[in-house]
Amino acid sequence: MLTVDFSRFPLAPGDRVLDLGCGAGRHAFECYRRGAQVVALDQNGEEIREVAKWFAAMKEAGEAPAGATATAMEGDALALPFPDESFDVVIISEVMEHIPDDKGVLAEMVRVLKPGGRIAVTVPRYGPEKVCWTLSDAYHEVEGGHIRIYKADELLGKMREAGLRPYGTHHAHALHSPYWWLKCAFGVDNDKALPVRAYHKLLVWDIMKKPLATRVAERALNPVIGKSFVAYATKPHLPRAEADAT
């Protein structure tokens, strides 16, 4: 289940991609399949080991084209172990709402992104997320949980302040908002509640089968209750006068 829409966020074979806070690796795997040179980075060592296993399995199965590479590594989003201007593409999906110093993370992403490079940022959308916070304190008052809810203008403003130039936004995963509302209503750790189990089965079926009816429904509902807000931006090239001065 991808949050980034690669039809709006072009990726070329050979692009060097950083999936920052990669989690289970869903976006990193897609970039690898598309022929990129991928670095998947996360502070969770257990998840990184699993991502590395999947990279190896994908290579063995021939799922990645010739020239594609994939590396999984532990790291700190506030102190990335890469030189300046190392990547053509940076993806950070459902991560920034967890990090107190979100401006610091943006600064590090901009540092390692090449001029002209592209960045995709996804966070929980304000409206659906606010419902979750209202229904359940346990949803967000946990170690490593969500510490803020972004409004779209706030996130875009922080991206501009970091030196990025946003060029597009959209919402995603409308069908997942009701699931999380049910989870919050019945208890975030209560997976046995009948409404939660029934809706989870629906989501699994939708992900596996991709039926036209639910695809159409989600596209129609995304602008209204999409669970995620997605923003795309570029890192501008330096103006000629500034470049000459440096």
Protein backbone atom coordinates (compact mmCIF):
# COMPACT_ATOMS: atom_id res chain seq x y z
CA MET A 1 0.00 0.00 0.00
CA LEU A 2 1.80 3.08 -1.27
CA THR A 3 1.10 6.59 -0.03
CA VAL A 4 3.35 8.31 -2.57
CA ASP A 5 1.81 8.46 -6.04
CA PHE A 6 4.64 7.81 -8.49
CA SER A 7 2.60 9.16 -11.38
CA ARG A 8 2.96 12.56 -9.67
CA PHE A 9 6.45 11.90 -8.35
CA PRO A 10 8.56 10.68 -11.29
CA LEU A 11 11.36 8.24 -10.59
CA ALA A 12 13.96 7.36 -13.21
CA PRO A 13 16.08 4.19 -13.30
CA GLY A 14 19.40 4.94 -11.65
CA ASP A 15 18.04 7.67 -9.39
CA ARG A 16 19.64 7.60 -5.97
CA VAL A 17 16.77 7.44 -3.46
CA LEU A 18 16.67 7.85 0.33
CA ASP A 19 13.61 6.38 2.05
CA LEU A 20 13.96 8.11 5.41
CA GLY A 21 12.20 6.41 8.30
CA CYS A 22 11.44 3.55 5.93
CA GLY A 23 9.61 1.38 8.49
CA ALA A 24 8.65 -1.90 6.84
CA GLY A 25 10.05 -0.65 3.53
CA ARG A 26 7.00 -0.32 1.27
CA HIS A 27 8.23 2.74 -0.64
CA ALA A 28 11.82 1.50 -0.71
CA PHE A 29 10.69 -1.76 -2.33
CA GLU A 30 8.72 0.10 -5.01
CA CYS A 31 11.70 2.34 -5.82
CA TYR A 32 13.92 -0.76 -6.08
CA ARG A 33 11.44 -2.36 -8.49
CA ARG A 34 11.60 0.81 -10.59
CA GLY A 35 15.37 0.55 -10.98
CA ALA A 36 16.56 3.07 -8.42
CA GLN A 37 19.63 2.95 -6.22
CA VAL A 38 17.85 2.82 -2.88
CA VAL A 39 18.96 3.49 0.67
CA ALA A 40 16.32 2.57 3.25
CA LEU A 41 17.14 4.15 6.62
CA ASP A 42 15.37 3.79 9.97
CA GLN A 43 16.34 3.96 13.64
CA ASN A 44 14.56 0.67 14.32
CA GLY A 45 17.17 -2.04 13.89
CA GLU A 46 14.65 -4.88 13.85
CA GLU A 47 12.72 -3.35 10.97
CA ILE A 48 15.92 -2.62 9.07
CA ARG A 49 16.97 -6.26 9.32
CA GLU A 50 13.60 -7.32 7.87
CA VAL A 51 13.90 -4.78 5.06
CA ALA A 52 17.37 -6.10 4.24
CA LYS A 53 15.97 -9.65 4.03
CA TRP A 54 13.24 -8.50 1.64
CA PHE A 55 15.77 -6.66 -0.52
CA ALA A 56 17.79 -9.87 -0.79
CA ALA A 57 14.68 -11.89 -1.61
CA MET A 58 13.65 -9.41 -4.30
CA LYS A 59 17.09 -9.61 -5.88
CA GLU A 60 17.01 -13.40 -5.80
CA ALA A 61 13.55 -13.41 -7.41
CA GLY A 62 14.62 -11.02 -10.15
CA GLU A 63 12.11 -8.36 -9.12
CA ALA A 64 14.58 -5.50 -9.57
CA PRO A 65 16.03 -4.53 -12.96
CA ALA A 66 19.73 -4.61 -13.78
CA GLY A 67 21.56 -1.67 -12.26
CA ALA A 68 19.18 -1.27 -9.33
CA THR A 69 20.75 -1.43 -5.88
CA ALA A 70 19.29 -1.55 -2.37
CA THR A 71 20.82 -0.97 1.05
CA ALA A 72 19.10 -1.05 4.44
CA MET A 73 20.77 0.73 7.34
CA GLU A 74 20.15 2.11 10.81
CA GLY A 75 20.51 5.83 11.23
CA ASP A 76 19.40 9.07 12.85
CA ALA A 77 17.14 11.34 10.79
CA LEU A 78 18.65 14.37 12.52
CA ALA A 79 22.24 13.38 11.67
CA LEU A 80 22.17 11.60 8.33
CA PRO A 81 25.42 9.76 7.54
CA PHE A 82 25.65 11.06 3.97
CA PRO A 83 27.53 13.90 2.26
CA ASP A 84 25.74 16.98 1.00
CA GLU A 85 23.78 16.56 -2.24
CA SER A 86 23.92 12.75 -2.19
CA PHE A 87 20.41 11.89 -3.42
CA ASP A 88 18.17 12.64 -6.38
CA VAL A 89 15.04 11.72 -4.42
CA VAL A 90 14.07 11.70 -0.74
CA ILE A 91 10.88 10.12 0.64
CA ILE A 92 9.70 10.55 4.22
CA SER A 93 6.33 8.89 4.80
CA GLU A 94 4.36 9.05 8.07
CA VAL A 95 7.46 9.99 10.08
CA MET A 96 7.55 13.72 10.78
CA GLU A 97 4.56 13.62 13.13
CA HIS A 98 6.71 11.50 15.47
CA ILE A 99 9.78 13.77 15.64
CA PRO A 100 10.00 16.80 17.97
CA ASP A 101 12.54 18.61 15.79
CA ASP A 102 10.72 18.41 12.47
CA LYS A 103 12.53 21.48 11.15
CA GLY A 104 15.83 19.75 11.86
CA VAL A 105 14.72 16.72 9.86
CA LEU A 106 13.68 18.91 6.94
CA ALA A 107 17.06 20.67 7.05
CA GLU A 108 18.89 17.34 6.90
CA MET A 109 16.76 16.14 3.98
CA VAL A 110 17.43 19.34 2.07
CA ARG A 111 21.16 19.03 2.83
CA VAL A 112 21.47 15.56 1.31
CA LEU A 113 19.16 16.30 -1.65
CA LYS A 114 20.77 17.41 -4.90
CA PRO A 115 19.71 20.75 -6.44
CA GLY A 116 16.83 19.94 -8.76
CA GLY A 117 16.06 16.84 -6.68
CA ARG A 118 12.58 15.83 -5.56
CA ILE A 119 11.13 15.16 -2.14
CA ALA A 120 7.87 13.53 -1.03
CA VAL A 121 6.52 14.14 2.48
CA THR A 122 3.45 12.35 3.84
CA VAL A 123 1.81 12.93 7.23
CA PRO A 124 -1.58 12.09 8.79
CA ARG A 125 -4.21 14.54 7.57
CA TYR A 126 -5.54 17.05 10.10
CA GLY A 127 -9.27 16.17 10.06
CA PRO A 128 -9.16 12.36 10.31
CA GLU A 129 -6.25 12.56 12.75
CA LYS A 130 -8.11 15.02 14.97
CA VAL A 131 -11.00 12.53 15.18
CA CYS A 132 -8.59 9.83 16.35
CA TRP A 133 -7.12 12.10 19.03
CA THR A 134 -10.61 13.04 20.22
CA LEU A 135 -11.77 9.42 20.46
CA SER A 136 -8.69 8.02 22.18
CA ASP A 137 -5.83 9.38 24.28
CA ALA A 138 -4.09 6.01 23.95
CA TYR A 139 -3.88 6.51 20.17
CA HIS A 140 -1.26 9.22 20.51
CA GLU A 141 -0.11 9.26 24.15
CA VAL A 142 2.37 6.42 23.72
CA GLU A 143 6.15 6.35 23.53
CA GLY A 144 7.17 7.17 19.97
CA GLY A 145 3.61 8.14 19.09
CA HIS A 146 2.25 11.13 17.22
CA ILE A 147 3.20 14.38 18.92
CA ARG A 148 1.52 16.83 16.52
CA ILE A 149 -1.21 17.11 13.92
CA TYR A 150 -0.21 19.04 10.82
CA LYS A 151 -2.46 21.39 8.94
CA ALA A 152 -1.60 21.41 5.24
CA ASP A 153 -0.54 25.06 5.19
CA GLU A 154 1.69 24.51 8.22
CA LEU A 155 3.58 21.64 6.62
CA LEU A 156 3.94 23.43 3.29
CA GLY A 157 5.17 26.52 5.10
CA LYS A 158 7.86 24.55 6.92
CA MET A 159 8.93 22.96 3.65
CA ARG A 160 9.28 26.40 2.04
CA GLU A 161 11.23 27.70 5.04
CA ALA A 162 13.63 24.76 4.59
CA GLY A 163 14.32 25.88 1.03
CA LEU A 164 11.99 23.55 -0.85
CA ARG A 165 9.54 24.49 -3.59
CA PRO A 166 6.26 22.54 -3.27
CA TYR A 167 4.63 21.66 -6.58
CA GLY A 168 1.74 19.35 -5.74
CA THR A 169 -0.40 17.83 -2.99
CA HIS A 170 -3.13 15.24 -2.60
CA HIS A 171 -4.78 13.00 -0.02
CA ALA A 172 -4.60 9.20 0.24
CA HIS A 173 -6.09 6.17 2.00
CA ALA A 174 -9.66 7.39 2.62
CA LEU A 175 -10.81 3.83 3.31
CA HIS A 176 -8.36 3.61 6.20
CA SER A 177 -9.78 6.56 8.15
CA PRO A 178 -12.93 4.70 9.35
CA TYR A 179 -10.76 1.76 10.40
CA TRP A 180 -8.71 3.95 12.72
CA TRP A 181 -11.82 5.67 14.04
CA LEU A 182 -13.18 2.24 14.94
CA LYS A 183 -9.87 1.28 16.55
CA CYS A 184 -9.91 4.44 18.64
CA ALA A 185 -13.57 3.99 19.61
CA PHE A 186 -13.22 0.34 20.69
CA GLY A 187 -9.66 0.57 22.03
CA VAL A 188 -6.47 0.87 19.99
CA ASP A 189 -5.22 -2.46 21.37
CA ASN A 190 -8.56 -4.22 21.02
CA ASP A 191 -8.33 -6.09 17.72
CA LYS A 192 -11.08 -8.52 18.75
CA ALA A 193 -13.95 -6.04 18.57
CA LEU A 194 -16.29 -7.24 15.81
CA PRO A 195 -16.48 -3.92 13.88
CA VAL A 196 -12.68 -3.63 13.92
CA ARG A 197 -12.16 -7.21 12.74
CA ALA A 198 -14.79 -6.87 10.01
CA TYR A 199 -13.37 -3.64 8.66
CA HIS A 200 -9.83 -5.02 8.78
CA LYS A 201 -10.94 -7.96 6.63
CA LEU A 202 -12.39 -5.48 4.14
CA LEU A 203 -9.10 -3.56 3.97
CA VAL A 204 -7.04 -6.73 3.47
CA TRP A 205 -9.41 -7.85 0.71
CA ASP A 206 -9.17 -4.43 -0.92
CA ILE A 207 -5.36 -4.40 -0.80
CA MET A 208 -5.08 -7.92 -2.20
CA LYS A 209 -7.80 -7.79 -4.86
CA LYS A 210 -7.85 -4.10 -5.80
CA PRO A 211 -11.47 -4.22 -7.00
CA LEU A 212 -12.67 -1.39 -9.21
CA ALA A 213 -15.54 -0.46 -6.89
CA THR A 214 -13.33 0.31 -3.89
CA ARG A 215 -10.71 2.04 -6.07
CA VAL A 216 -13.38 4.38 -7.40
CA ALA A 217 -14.82 4.90 -3.93
CA GLU A 218 -11.45 5.74 -2.43
CA ARG A 219 -10.61 8.21 -5.19
CA ALA A 220 -13.93 9.94 -4.57
CA LEU A 221 -13.48 9.97 -0.79
CA ASN A 222 -9.78 10.94 -0.63
CA PRO A 223 -10.47 14.69 -0.86
CA VAL A 224 -12.96 14.37 1.99
CA ILE A 225 -11.55 11.85 4.50
CA GLY A 226 -8.18 10.79 3.07
CA LYS A 227 -6.06 9.55 6.01
CA SER A 228 -2.78 10.96 4.68
CA PHE A 229 -1.73 14.33 3.30
CA VAL A 230 0.99 14.06 0.65
CA ALA A 231 3.19 16.95 -0.51
CA TYR A 232 5.75 16.97 -3.32
CA ALA A 233 8.53 19.51 -3.70
CA THR A 234 11.79 20.22 -5.47
CA LYS A 235 15.04 21.68 -4.23
CA PRO A 236 15.74 24.69 -6.46
CA HIS A 237 19.04 25.19 -8.18
CA LEU A 238 21.00 28.15 -6.83
CA PRO A 239 20.45 31.38 -8.75
CA ARG A 240 23.39 32.01 -11.07
CA ALA A 241 24.64 35.05 -9.10
CA GLU A 242 24.55 33.12 -5.84
CA ALA A 243 26.24 30.12 -7.43
CA ASP A 244 29.03 32.34 -8.80
CA ALA A 245 29.48 33.87 -5.34
CA THR A 246 30.05 30.43 -3.85
